[in-house]
Amino acid sequence: MEKYENLNNVIADNLIYYRKKANLTQQELASKLSYSDKSISKWERGEGVPDIHVLVALAKLYGLSVNDFVSTNKKQKIANVYLPKFMIMLMAIILSWLVVVIIFFAFKIFGHSNFKPWLVFIYGIPLSCLVWTVFNDVFFSKLLNIPSVSLMTWGIALSIYLSFPSIKNLYLIFIVCIPIEILIILFYIFIYKKEKNKEK
């Protein structure tokens, strides 16, 4: 009997783990499975386990095997959940920098003499941060958007500052970025707490 209780707890822990990694609430998951959120809650409390058809549906939804729900190998879980998503995000960021390099060479060869081609690399900072933010928003926690959105904000400010050197007192744009930075941090903390409350 104790073995079955332990297995129930392992499955319950895994159900919670993978649902949260997929950024789904109990209600959203229930809707996808055509079950009630009460059933999801019951399984996640270890008071019962989903039948094999539900486990197969969950495995397909999360891109896992059914075995992952009865396994306690946390390192394997992290590799299965995070690594493919991280690699996709990394490739997208590298691709954005490839676009920047191509534009740089295009300006060097065909560009206007008044434009400084190296500025393209400065413009690449907010561009790659935008890509980082979009993929992070889809794959990971919204709280992790703080560094990407922050860097994007400062990158935009730097791009404006370097693009218009003749404008007086343009350095003040960096002072404007300070309250924006605080707002970004507070906004994402608020979103994170709201998501956590939804999960309860």
Foldseek 3Di string as FASTA:
>chain_A
DVVLLVQLQLLLVLLVVLCVQQLHALCRVCVVLVHHSVVNVCSNVSVDHDDPVSLCVVCVVSVHDSVSSRDPPVVVVCCSQPVVLVVVLVVQLVVLVVVLVVQLVCCVVPNDPPDDSVLSVLVSQLVSLVSNQVSCVRRHQNLVNLVSVLSNQVSVLVSVCVVCVPDPPSVCSVVVSVVVSVVSNVVSVVVRVVSVVSND
